[in-house]
Amino acid sequence: MAKSVLDLFELYNLVIARGGLVDVINKKLWQEIIKGLHLPSSITSAAFTLRTQ
């Protein structure tokens, strides 16, 4: 994503810290996850890409 390697372990930890995948999806916390991964906010499809990859 954004021409950088996605740290899956960090993604996992961020999602677990917010209650798990179902909670992140239901509470729409993807913007917090994106900020936690230090991805640029200019990626408009980041939440969709993280969910589907």
N, C-alpha and C. Protein backbone atom coordinates (compact mmCIF):
# COMPACT_ATOMS: atom_id res chain seq x y z
N MET A 1 0.83 -1.17 0.00
CA MET A 1 0.00 0.00 0.00
C MET A 1 0.88 1.24 0.00
N ALA A 2 0.52 2.19 -0.79
CA ALA A 2 1.28 3.45 -0.90
C ALA A 2 2.75 3.17 -1.21
N LYS A 3 2.99 2.15 -2.00
CA LYS A 3 4.34 1.76 -2.42
C LYS A 3 5.25 1.41 -1.25
N SER A 4 4.66 0.90 -0.18
CA SER A 4 5.45 0.45 0.96
C SER A 4 4.91 -0.90 1.42
N VAL A 5 5.72 -1.60 2.17
CA VAL A 5 5.36 -2.92 2.65
C VAL A 5 4.38 -2.77 3.82
N LEU A 6 3.32 -3.54 3.78
CA LEU A 6 2.32 -3.51 4.84
C LEU A 6 2.75 -4.44 5.96
N ASP A 7 2.87 -3.92 7.16
CA ASP A 7 3.27 -4.69 8.32
C ASP A 7 2.03 -5.41 8.87
N LEU A 8 1.89 -6.68 8.53
CA LEU A 8 0.70 -7.44 8.92
C LEU A 8 0.62 -7.65 10.42
N PHE A 9 1.75 -7.79 11.08
CA PHE A 9 1.74 -7.96 12.53
C PHE A 9 1.21 -6.70 13.21
N GLU A 10 1.63 -5.54 12.74
CA GLU A 10 1.14 -4.28 13.30
C GLU A 10 -0.34 -4.10 12.99
N LEU A 11 -0.77 -4.46 11.80
CA LEU A 11 -2.19 -4.41 11.44
C LEU A 11 -3.00 -5.28 12.39
N TYR A 12 -2.53 -6.48 12.63
CA TYR A 12 -3.20 -7.41 13.54
C TYR A 12 -3.31 -6.80 14.94
N ASN A 13 -2.21 -6.27 15.45
CA ASN A 13 -2.21 -5.69 16.80
C ASN A 13 -3.16 -4.50 16.90
N LEU A 14 -3.20 -3.66 15.88
CA LEU A 14 -4.09 -2.49 15.90
C LEU A 14 -5.56 -2.92 15.90
N VAL A 15 -5.87 -3.94 15.11
CA VAL A 15 -7.25 -4.42 15.04
C VAL A 15 -7.65 -5.08 16.36
N ILE A 16 -6.79 -5.91 16.91
CA ILE A 16 -7.08 -6.58 18.19
C ILE A 16 -7.24 -5.57 19.31
N ALA A 17 -6.43 -4.54 19.32
CA ALA A 17 -6.51 -3.51 20.36
C ALA A 17 -7.84 -2.77 20.34
N ARG A 18 -8.51 -2.77 19.20
CA ARG A 18 -9.80 -2.09 19.07
C ARG A 18 -10.98 -3.05 19.14
N GLY A 19 -10.76 -4.27 19.59
CA GLY A 19 -11.85 -5.20 19.82
C GLY A 19 -12.01 -6.28 18.78
N GLY A 20 -11.18 -6.31 17.77
CA GLY A 20 -11.26 -7.34 16.74
C GLY A 20 -11.85 -6.82 15.45
N LEU A 21 -11.83 -7.67 14.46
CA LEU A 21 -12.25 -7.28 13.12
C LEU A 21 -13.71 -6.86 13.07
N VAL A 22 -14.58 -7.61 13.73
CA VAL A 22 -16.01 -7.29 13.68
C VAL A 22 -16.27 -5.91 14.29
N ASP A 23 -15.64 -5.61 15.41
CA ASP A 23 -15.82 -4.30 16.03
C ASP A 23 -15.27 -3.18 15.17
N VAL A 24 -14.11 -3.40 14.55
CA VAL A 24 -13.52 -2.37 13.69
C VAL A 24 -14.45 -2.09 12.51
N ILE A 25 -15.03 -3.13 11.94
CA ILE A 25 -15.94 -2.95 10.81
C ILE A 25 -17.23 -2.26 11.27
N ASN A 26 -17.85 -2.76 12.34
CA ASN A 26 -19.13 -2.22 12.79
C ASN A 26 -19.01 -0.79 13.30
N LYS A 27 -17.92 -0.48 13.98
CA LYS A 27 -17.73 0.87 14.53
C LYS A 27 -17.02 1.81 13.56
N LYS A 28 -16.69 1.28 12.38
CA LYS A 28 -16.02 2.06 11.33
C LYS A 28 -14.75 2.74 11.84
N LEU A 29 -13.87 1.93 12.38
CA LEU A 29 -12.62 2.42 12.96
C LEU A 29 -11.44 2.33 12.00
N TRP A 30 -11.69 2.16 10.73
CA TRP A 30 -10.60 1.95 9.79
C TRP A 30 -9.67 3.16 9.69
N GLN A 31 -10.20 4.36 9.88
CA GLN A 31 -9.33 5.54 9.81
C GLN A 31 -8.30 5.51 10.93
N GLU A 32 -8.69 5.02 12.11
CA GLU A 32 -7.74 4.88 13.21
C GLU A 32 -6.66 3.85 12.87
N ILE A 33 -7.06 2.77 12.22
CA ILE A 33 -6.10 1.73 11.82
C ILE A 33 -5.13 2.30 10.79
N ILE A 34 -5.65 3.06 9.84
CA ILE A 34 -4.81 3.65 8.80
C ILE A 34 -3.80 4.61 9.41
N LYS A 35 -4.24 5.42 10.38
CA LYS A 35 -3.32 6.33 11.06
C LYS A 35 -2.28 5.55 11.86
N GLY A 36 -2.70 4.47 12.50
CA GLY A 36 -1.78 3.65 13.27
C GLY A 36 -0.71 2.99 12.42
N LEU A 37 -1.04 2.72 11.18
CA LEU A 37 -0.07 2.13 10.25
C LEU A 37 0.78 3.18 9.56
N HIS A 38 0.52 4.45 9.84
CA HIS A 38 1.26 5.57 9.26
C HIS A 38 1.15 5.59 7.74
N LEU A 39 -0.05 5.29 7.25
CA LEU A 39 -0.31 5.38 5.82
C LEU A 39 -0.80 6.78 5.50
N PRO A 40 -0.51 7.27 4.32
CA PRO A 40 -0.97 8.62 3.97
C PRO A 40 -2.50 8.67 3.87
N SER A 41 -3.07 9.77 4.31
CA SER A 41 -4.53 9.92 4.27
C SER A 41 -5.04 10.11 2.85
N SER A 42 -4.14 10.29 1.90
CA SER A 42 -4.54 10.48 0.51
C SER A 42 -5.03 9.19 -0.15
N ILE A 43 -4.81 8.06 0.51
CA ILE A 43 -5.29 6.78 -0.03
C ILE A 43 -6.76 6.66 0.35
N THR A 44 -7.63 6.94 -0.60
CA THR A 44 -9.06 6.97 -0.29
C THR A 44 -9.66 5.58 -0.16
N SER A 45 -9.03 4.58 -0.73
CA SER A 45 -9.57 3.22 -0.68
C SER A 45 -8.82 2.35 0.32
N ALA A 46 -8.11 2.95 1.25
CA ALA A 46 -7.28 2.19 2.17
C ALA A 46 -8.11 1.24 3.04
N ALA A 47 -9.23 1.69 3.55
CA ALA A 47 -10.06 0.84 4.39
C ALA A 47 -10.55 -0.36 3.61
N PHE A 48 -11.00 -0.16 2.39
CA PHE A 48 -11.46 -1.26 1.55
C PHE A 48 -10.32 -2.20 1.25
N THR A 49 -9.17 -1.67 0.92
CA THR A 49 -8.02 -2.51 0.59
C THR A 49 -7.58 -3.33 1.79
N LEU A 50 -7.54 -2.75 2.97
CA LEU A 50 -7.15 -3.49 4.16
C LEU A 50 -8.14 -4.62 4.47
N ARG A 51 -9.42 -4.35 4.30
CA ARG A 51 -10.43 -5.38 4.57
C ARG A 51 -10.35 -6.53 3.59
N THR A 52 -10.11 -6.25 2.34
CA THR A 52 -10.18 -7.29 1.31
C THR A 52 -8.87 -8.01 1.06
N GLN A 53 -7.76 -7.49 1.51
CA GLN A 53 -6.47 -8.14 1.29
C GLN A 53 -6.18 -8.98 2.45
